[in-house]
Amino acid sequence: DKEVQDFLVTEIHKHYPADAILAEENNLRHSVTDGKVWVLDPIDGTVNFIVQRDYFAILIAYYEDGLGQFGLIYDVINDRLFHGGGIFDVYMNDELLSPYQDKPLSRSLIGGNSGMYAQNEHGIRDFIQQSLGLRVYGGAGISMGYVLTGKLMAYFSYLQPWDYAAAKILGDKLGYVLLTLDGNEPDFTHRQKVMFVPKVKLALIKKAIS
């Protein structure tokens, strides 16, 4: 993690020396609301990387005064790069991704944190049991990439800012929102329980997990 992050920070500062960093390692904790800020997760899904050599990603997001400009999710093993957001269209490599296509919950899969599901936090298990089932991949970036491609309808987990910063920007362009389970904007300062869900399903989901 530290070696990858050091490489990313060095390359960013080589080209943008005045920009700030919010990142997982080395206590780099700059507020995304303060100027030009890169948000980095050098290896999202570290345990997966160590044990499986799969289901991990590099996450990069760029914010200006709190506004997301673009996000990057790189699925290393499968060489899939999700990129775009802000003024940019969202692609997976060279494939333009379509906005969320509505379908019934009963014909959808949901991604999530196994502990939150087991404890039925906010009624998440009850909600997911109305779908085709839960999928747990152990990496936020990979899971939210599956949301962006329609393989999952939604994703619920307990995440740090660097886990969700990129997907939040990418998803907004495709009709998704990333909010806390209480329906508020995440604060980008500490770990929070969040949901990454289609905007058109937000009212239904908020009612189900209230």
C-alpha atoms as a PDB file:
ATOM      1  CA  ASP A   1       0.000   0.000   0.000  1.00  0.00           C
ATOM      2  CA  LYS A   2       2.650   2.510   1.033  1.00  0.00           C
ATOM      3  CA  GLU A   3       4.841   1.872  -2.003  1.00  0.00           C
ATOM      4  CA  VAL A   4       1.936   2.310  -4.418  1.00  0.00           C
ATOM      5  CA  GLN A   5       0.742   5.433  -2.615  1.00  0.00           C
ATOM      6  CA  ASP A   6       4.236   6.947  -2.584  1.00  0.00           C
ATOM      7  CA  PHE A   7       4.461   6.349  -6.337  1.00  0.00           C
ATOM      8  CA  LEU A   8       1.079   7.999  -6.967  1.00  0.00           C
ATOM      9  CA  VAL A   9       1.825  10.998  -4.747  1.00  0.00           C
ATOM     10  CA  THR A  10       5.227  11.503  -6.394  1.00  0.00           C
ATOM     11  CA  GLU A  11       3.733  11.418  -9.881  1.00  0.00           C
ATOM     12  CA  ILE A  12       0.884  13.773  -8.965  1.00  0.00           C
ATOM     13  CA  HIS A  13       3.231  16.293  -7.364  1.00  0.00           C
ATOM     14  CA  LYS A  14       5.608  16.041 -10.321  1.00  0.00           C
ATOM     15  CA  HIS A  15       2.874  17.519 -12.509  1.00  0.00           C
ATOM     16  CA  TYR A  16       0.741  19.377  -9.932  1.00  0.00           C
ATOM     17  CA  PRO A  17       3.102  20.388  -7.112  1.00  0.00           C
ATOM     18  CA  ALA A  18       0.616  22.696  -5.374  1.00  0.00           C
ATOM     19  CA  ASP A  19      -2.201  20.131  -5.143  1.00  0.00           C
ATOM     20  CA  ALA A  20      -3.087  18.475  -1.836  1.00  0.00           C
ATOM     21  CA  ILE A  21      -3.613  14.805  -0.994  1.00  0.00           C
ATOM     22  CA  LEU A  22      -6.174  12.859   1.063  1.00  0.00           C
ATOM     23  CA  ALA A  23      -5.015   9.252   1.227  1.00  0.00           C
ATOM     24  CA  GLU A  24      -5.127   6.070   3.251  1.00  0.00           C
ATOM     25  CA  GLU A  25      -1.466   5.799   4.232  1.00  0.00           C
ATOM     26  CA  ASN A  26       1.055   8.085   5.960  1.00  0.00           C
ATOM     27  CA  ASN A  27      -1.594  10.273   7.612  1.00  0.00           C
ATOM     28  CA  LEU A  28      -2.257  12.390   4.503  1.00  0.00           C
ATOM     29  CA  ARG A  29      -5.509  14.024   5.584  1.00  0.00           C
ATOM     30  CA  HIS A  30      -6.329  17.158   3.582  1.00  0.00           C
ATOM     31  CA  SER A  31      -9.973  18.290   3.433  1.00  0.00           C
ATOM     32  CA  VAL A  32     -11.614  17.815   0.035  1.00  0.00           C
ATOM     33  CA  THR A  33     -13.343  21.180   0.506  1.00  0.00           C
ATOM     34  CA  ASP A  34     -10.022  23.042   0.611  1.00  0.00           C
ATOM     35  CA  GLY A  35      -8.611  23.638  -2.864  1.00  0.00           C
ATOM     36  CA  LYS A  36      -7.419  21.051  -5.363  1.00  0.00           C
ATOM     37  CA  VAL A  37      -7.315  17.642  -3.696  1.00  0.00           C
ATOM     38  CA  TRP A  38      -6.481  14.135  -4.918  1.00  0.00           C
ATOM     39  CA  VAL A  39      -8.089  11.302  -2.951  1.00  0.00           C
ATOM     40  CA  LEU A  40      -6.144   8.043  -3.113  1.00  0.00           C
ATOM     41  CA  ASP A  41      -6.622   4.441  -2.087  1.00  0.00           C
ATOM     42  CA  PRO A  42      -3.475   2.691  -3.332  1.00  0.00           C
ATOM     43  CA  ILE A  43      -4.810  -0.843  -2.847  1.00  0.00           C
ATOM     44  CA  ASP A  44      -8.510  -1.078  -2.128  1.00  0.00           C
ATOM     45  CA  GLY A  45      -9.134  -4.637  -0.972  1.00  0.00           C
ATOM     46  CA  THR A  46      -5.723  -5.277   0.574  1.00  0.00           C
ATOM     47  CA  VAL A  47      -6.705  -8.624   2.106  1.00  0.00           C
ATOM     48  CA  ASN A  48      -8.016  -9.769  -1.270  1.00  0.00           C
ATOM     49  CA  PHE A  49      -4.722  -8.706  -2.838  1.00  0.00           C
ATOM     50  CA  ILE A  50      -2.718 -10.668  -0.277  1.00  0.00           C
ATOM     51  CA  VAL A  51      -4.821 -13.823  -0.170  1.00  0.00           C
ATOM     52  CA  GLN A  52      -6.520 -14.070  -3.564  1.00  0.00           C
ATOM     53  CA  ARG A  53      -4.521 -11.832  -5.880  1.00  0.00           C
ATOM     54  CA  ASP A  54      -7.892 -10.685  -7.181  1.00  0.00           C
ATOM     55  CA  TYR A  55     -10.817  -8.376  -6.371  1.00  0.00           C
ATOM     56  CA  PHE A  56      -8.676  -5.345  -5.535  1.00  0.00           C
ATOM     57  CA  ALA A  57      -8.368  -1.959  -7.204  1.00  0.00           C
ATOM     58  CA  ILE A  58      -6.525   1.355  -7.256  1.00  0.00           C
ATOM     59  CA  LEU A  59      -8.868   4.272  -6.545  1.00  0.00           C
ATOM     60  CA  ILE A  60      -8.160   7.894  -7.499  1.00  0.00           C
ATOM     61  CA  ALA A  61     -10.491  10.882  -7.316  1.00  0.00           C
ATOM     62  CA  TYR A  62      -9.921  14.578  -7.946  1.00  0.00           C
ATOM     63  CA  TYR A  63     -11.872  17.318  -6.151  1.00  0.00           C
ATOM     64  CA  GLU A  64     -11.807  21.107  -6.374  1.00  0.00           C
ATOM     65  CA  ASP A  65     -13.246  22.938  -3.373  1.00  0.00           C
ATOM     66  CA  GLY A  66     -15.393  19.930  -2.539  1.00  0.00           C
ATOM     67  CA  LEU A  67     -16.712  19.317  -6.048  1.00  0.00           C
ATOM     68  CA  GLY A  68     -15.760  16.061  -7.737  1.00  0.00           C
ATOM     69  CA  GLN A  69     -14.123  16.558 -11.124  1.00  0.00           C
ATOM     70  CA  PHE A  70     -13.364  12.963 -12.140  1.00  0.00           C
ATOM     71  CA  GLY A  71     -12.833   9.527 -10.673  1.00  0.00           C
ATOM     72  CA  LEU A  72     -10.756   6.469 -11.550  1.00  0.00           C
ATOM     73  CA  ILE A  73     -11.263   2.859 -10.466  1.00  0.00           C
ATOM     74  CA  TYR A  74      -8.619   0.502 -11.843  1.00  0.00           C
ATOM     75  CA  ASP A  75      -9.374  -3.214 -11.588  1.00  0.00           C
ATOM     76  CA  VAL A  76      -5.746  -4.308 -11.842  1.00  0.00           C
ATOM     77  CA  ILE A  77      -6.085  -8.044 -12.511  1.00  0.00           C
ATOM     78  CA  ASN A  78      -8.736  -7.643 -15.211  1.00  0.00           C
ATOM     79  CA  ASP A  79      -7.143  -4.467 -16.639  1.00  0.00           C
ATOM     80  CA  ARG A  80     -10.427  -2.564 -16.424  1.00  0.00           C
ATOM     81  CA  LEU A  81     -10.287   1.177 -15.871  1.00  0.00           C
ATOM     82  CA  PHE A  82     -13.464   3.026 -14.950  1.00  0.00           C
ATOM     83  CA  HIS A  83     -12.921   6.709 -15.689  1.00  0.00           C
ATOM     84  CA  GLY A  84     -14.907   9.910 -16.024  1.00  0.00           C
ATOM     85  CA  GLY A  85     -17.443  11.909 -14.066  1.00  0.00           C
ATOM     86  CA  GLY A  86     -17.861  15.651 -13.728  1.00  0.00           C
ATOM     87  CA  ILE A  87     -17.800  17.070 -17.270  1.00  0.00           C
ATOM     88  CA  PHE A  88     -16.581  13.733 -18.646  1.00  0.00           C
ATOM     89  CA  ASP A  89     -18.608  10.756 -19.800  1.00  0.00           C
ATOM     90  CA  VAL A  90     -18.019   7.546 -17.864  1.00  0.00           C
ATOM     91  CA  TYR A  91     -16.192   4.698 -19.562  1.00  0.00           C
ATOM     92  CA  MET A  92     -14.891   1.255 -18.698  1.00  0.00           C
ATOM     93  CA  ASN A  93     -11.734   1.257 -20.802  1.00  0.00           C
ATOM     94  CA  ASP A  94     -13.107   2.323 -24.217  1.00  0.00           C
ATOM     95  CA  GLU A  95     -16.712   1.276 -23.528  1.00  0.00           C
ATOM     96  CA  LEU A  96     -19.123   4.117 -22.825  1.00  0.00           C
ATOM     97  CA  LEU A  97     -21.263   3.147 -19.829  1.00  0.00           C
ATOM     98  CA  SER A  98     -25.014   3.704 -19.889  1.00  0.00           C
ATOM     99  CA  PRO A  99     -26.982   5.362 -17.090  1.00  0.00           C
ATOM    100  CA  TYR A 100     -28.828   3.092 -14.672  1.00  0.00           C
ATOM    101  CA  GLN A 101     -31.605   1.127 -16.354  1.00  0.00           C
ATOM    102  CA  ASP A 102     -34.484   0.649 -13.931  1.00  0.00           C
ATOM    103  CA  LYS A 103     -35.613  -2.871 -13.093  1.00  0.00           C
ATOM    104  CA  PRO A 104     -37.440  -4.508 -10.176  1.00  0.00           C
ATOM    105  CA  LEU A 105     -35.611  -5.232  -6.938  1.00  0.00           C
ATOM    106  CA  SER A 106     -36.807  -8.832  -7.275  1.00  0.00           C
ATOM    107  CA  ARG A 107     -34.656  -9.196 -10.394  1.00  0.00           C
ATOM    108  CA  SER A 108     -31.537  -7.538  -9.001  1.00  0.00           C
ATOM    109  CA  LEU A 109     -28.456  -8.484  -6.978  1.00  0.00           C
ATOM    110  CA  ILE A 110     -27.150  -6.307  -4.134  1.00  0.00           C
ATOM    111  CA  GLY A 111     -23.556  -5.936  -2.967  1.00  0.00           C
ATOM    112  CA  GLY A 112     -22.665  -5.333   0.626  1.00  0.00           C
ATOM    113  CA  ASN A 113     -20.712  -5.751   3.801  1.00  0.00           C
ATOM    114  CA  SER A 114     -21.266  -9.208   5.314  1.00  0.00           C
ATOM    115  CA  GLY A 115     -21.207  -7.918   8.897  1.00  0.00           C
ATOM    116  CA  MET A 116     -23.861  -5.292   8.237  1.00  0.00           C
ATOM    117  CA  TYR A 117     -25.981  -7.943   6.524  1.00  0.00           C
ATOM    118  CA  ALA A 118     -25.543 -10.461   9.361  1.00  0.00           C
ATOM    119  CA  GLN A 119     -26.525  -7.868  11.964  1.00  0.00           C
ATOM    120  CA  ASN A 120     -29.382  -6.584   9.786  1.00  0.00           C
ATOM    121  CA  GLU A 121     -28.218  -3.008  10.369  1.00  0.00           C
ATOM    122  CA  HIS A 122     -30.850  -0.489   9.302  1.00  0.00           C
ATOM    123  CA  GLY A 123     -32.905  -3.433   8.047  1.00  0.00           C
ATOM    124  CA  ILE A 124     -30.453  -4.034   5.211  1.00  0.00           C
ATOM    125  CA  ARG A 125     -30.842  -7.823   5.365  1.00  0.00           C
ATOM    126  CA  ASP A 126     -34.619  -7.529   5.208  1.00  0.00           C
ATOM    127  CA  PHE A 127     -34.268  -5.265   2.176  1.00  0.00           C
ATOM    128  CA  ILE A 128     -31.755  -7.499   0.392  1.00  0.00           C
ATOM    129  CA  GLN A 129     -33.917 -10.563   0.971  1.00  0.00           C
ATOM    130  CA  GLN A 130     -36.443  -8.975  -1.390  1.00  0.00           C
ATOM    131  CA  SER A 131     -33.816  -9.166  -4.152  1.00  0.00           C
ATOM    132  CA  LEU A 132     -32.140 -12.138  -5.860  1.00  0.00           C
ATOM    133  CA  GLY A 133     -29.487 -12.101  -3.148  1.00  0.00           C
ATOM    134  CA  LEU A 134     -26.338 -10.624  -1.614  1.00  0.00           C
ATOM    135  CA  ARG A 135     -22.906 -10.591  -3.208  1.00  0.00           C
ATOM    136  CA  VAL A 136     -19.798  -9.871  -1.102  1.00  0.00           C
ATOM    137  CA  TYR A 137     -16.542  -9.149  -2.934  1.00  0.00           C
ATOM    138  CA  GLY A 138     -14.521  -7.581  -0.136  1.00  0.00           C
ATOM    139  CA  GLY A 139     -13.431  -4.539  -2.134  1.00  0.00           C
ATOM    140  CA  ALA A 140     -15.408  -1.310  -2.380  1.00  0.00           C
ATOM    141  CA  GLY A 141     -13.963  -0.282  -5.737  1.00  0.00           C
ATOM    142  CA  ILE A 142     -14.674  -3.622  -7.391  1.00  0.00           C
ATOM    143  CA  SER A 143     -18.171  -3.734  -5.892  1.00  0.00           C
ATOM    144  CA  MET A 144     -19.065  -0.216  -6.978  1.00  0.00           C
ATOM    145  CA  GLY A 145     -17.651  -0.929 -10.422  1.00  0.00           C
ATOM    146  CA  TYR A 146     -20.182  -3.760 -10.636  1.00  0.00           C
ATOM    147  CA  VAL A 147     -22.886  -1.242  -9.728  1.00  0.00           C
ATOM    148  CA  LEU A 148     -21.715   1.083 -12.509  1.00  0.00           C
ATOM    149  CA  THR A 149     -21.981  -1.755 -15.056  1.00  0.00           C
ATOM    150  CA  GLY A 150     -25.369  -2.942 -13.815  1.00  0.00           C
ATOM    151  CA  LYS A 151     -24.171  -6.255 -12.375  1.00  0.00           C
ATOM    152  CA  LEU A 152     -25.289  -5.047  -8.958  1.00  0.00           C
ATOM    153  CA  MET A 153     -28.191  -2.700  -8.342  1.00  0.00           C
ATOM    154  CA  ALA A 154     -26.745  -1.186  -5.173  1.00  0.00           C
ATOM    155  CA  TYR A 155     -23.951  -1.487  -2.604  1.00  0.00           C
ATOM    156  CA  PHE A 156     -23.978  -1.029   1.178  1.00  0.00           C
ATOM    157  CA  SER A 157     -20.827  -0.913   3.302  1.00  0.00           C
ATOM    158  CA  TYR A 158     -18.768   0.758   6.035  1.00  0.00           C
ATOM    159  CA  LEU A 159     -16.191   2.875   4.211  1.00  0.00           C
ATOM    160  CA  GLN A 160     -13.443   5.445   4.532  1.00  0.00           C
ATOM    161  CA  PRO A 161     -13.454   8.537   2.263  1.00  0.00           C
ATOM    162  CA  TRP A 162     -10.783   7.100  -0.046  1.00  0.00           C
ATOM    163  CA  ASP A 163     -12.971   4.021  -0.540  1.00  0.00           C
ATOM    164  CA  TYR A 164     -15.915   5.950  -1.971  1.00  0.00           C
ATOM    165  CA  ALA A 165     -14.534   9.237  -3.383  1.00  0.00           C
ATOM    166  CA  ALA A 166     -14.039   8.000  -6.952  1.00  0.00           C
ATOM    167  CA  ALA A 167     -17.282   6.020  -7.215  1.00  0.00           C
ATOM    168  CA  LYS A 168     -19.263   8.984  -5.902  1.00  0.00           C
ATOM    169  CA  ILE A 169     -18.122  11.102  -8.859  1.00  0.00           C
ATOM    170  CA  LEU A 170     -18.506   8.336 -11.432  1.00  0.00           C
ATOM    171  CA  GLY A 171     -21.908   7.287 -10.147  1.00  0.00           C
ATOM    172  CA  ASP A 172     -23.366  10.768 -10.140  1.00  0.00           C
ATOM    173  CA  LYS A 173     -22.880  10.906 -13.898  1.00  0.00           C
ATOM    174  CA  LEU A 174     -24.759   7.618 -14.381  1.00  0.00           C
ATOM    175  CA  GLY A 175     -27.724   8.207 -12.109  1.00  0.00           C
ATOM    176  CA  TYR A 176     -26.415   6.931  -8.775  1.00  0.00           C
ATOM    177  CA  VAL A 177     -25.946   8.621  -5.413  1.00  0.00           C
ATOM    178  CA  LEU A 178     -23.559   7.813  -2.595  1.00  0.00           C
ATOM    179  CA  LEU A 179     -25.018   8.764   0.779  1.00  0.00           C
ATOM    180  CA  THR A 180     -24.843   7.669   4.386  1.00  0.00           C
ATOM    181  CA  LEU A 181     -27.481   5.172   5.490  1.00  0.00           C
ATOM    182  CA  ASP A 182     -29.287   8.116   7.075  1.00  0.00           C
ATOM    183  CA  GLY A 183     -29.558   9.724   3.646  1.00  0.00           C
ATOM    184  CA  ASN A 184     -26.963  12.448   4.226  1.00  0.00           C
ATOM    185  CA  GLU A 185     -23.894  13.424   2.231  1.00  0.00           C
ATOM    186  CA  PRO A 186     -20.754  11.669   3.527  1.00  0.00           C
ATOM    187  CA  ASP A 187     -18.398  14.020   5.335  1.00  0.00           C
ATOM    188  CA  PHE A 188     -15.054  12.769   3.942  1.00  0.00           C
ATOM    189  CA  THR A 189     -13.485  12.860   7.418  1.00  0.00           C
ATOM    190  CA  HIS A 190     -13.984   9.389   8.888  1.00  0.00           C
ATOM    191  CA  ARG A 191     -15.372   5.920   8.241  1.00  0.00           C
ATOM    192  CA  GLN A 192     -19.131   5.903   7.668  1.00  0.00           C
ATOM    193  CA  LYS A 193     -21.868   3.441   6.751  1.00  0.00           C
ATOM    194  CA  VAL A 194     -22.871   4.351   3.219  1.00  0.00           C
ATOM    195  CA  MET A 195     -25.014   3.237   0.317  1.00  0.00           C
ATOM    196  CA  PHE A 196     -24.337   3.531  -3.409  1.00  0.00           C
ATOM    197  CA  VAL A 197     -27.759   3.328  -5.037  1.00  0.00           C
ATOM    198  CA  PRO A 198     -29.738   4.449  -8.094  1.00  0.00           C
ATOM    199  CA  LYS A 199     -31.314   7.863  -7.654  1.00  0.00           C
ATOM    200  CA  VAL A 200     -34.652   6.552  -8.898  1.00  0.00           C
ATOM    201  CA  LYS A 201     -34.629   3.899  -6.147  1.00  0.00           C
ATOM    202  CA  LEU A 202     -33.556   6.246  -3.353  1.00  0.00           C
ATOM    203  CA  ALA A 203     -37.009   6.900  -1.891  1.00  0.00           C
ATOM    204  CA  LEU A 204     -37.809   3.163  -1.884  1.00  0.00           C
ATOM    205  CA  ILE A 205     -34.491   2.273  -0.286  1.00  0.00           C
ATOM    206  CA  LYS A 206     -34.630   5.019   2.343  1.00  0.00           C
ATOM    207  CA  LYS A 207     -38.094   3.833   3.359  1.00  0.00           C
ATOM    208  CA  ALA A 208     -36.898   0.213   3.579  1.00  0.00           C
ATOM    209  CA  ILE A 209     -33.842   0.948   5.736  1.00  0.00           C
ATOM    210  CA  SER A 210     -35.211   3.777   7.873  1.00  0.00           C
END
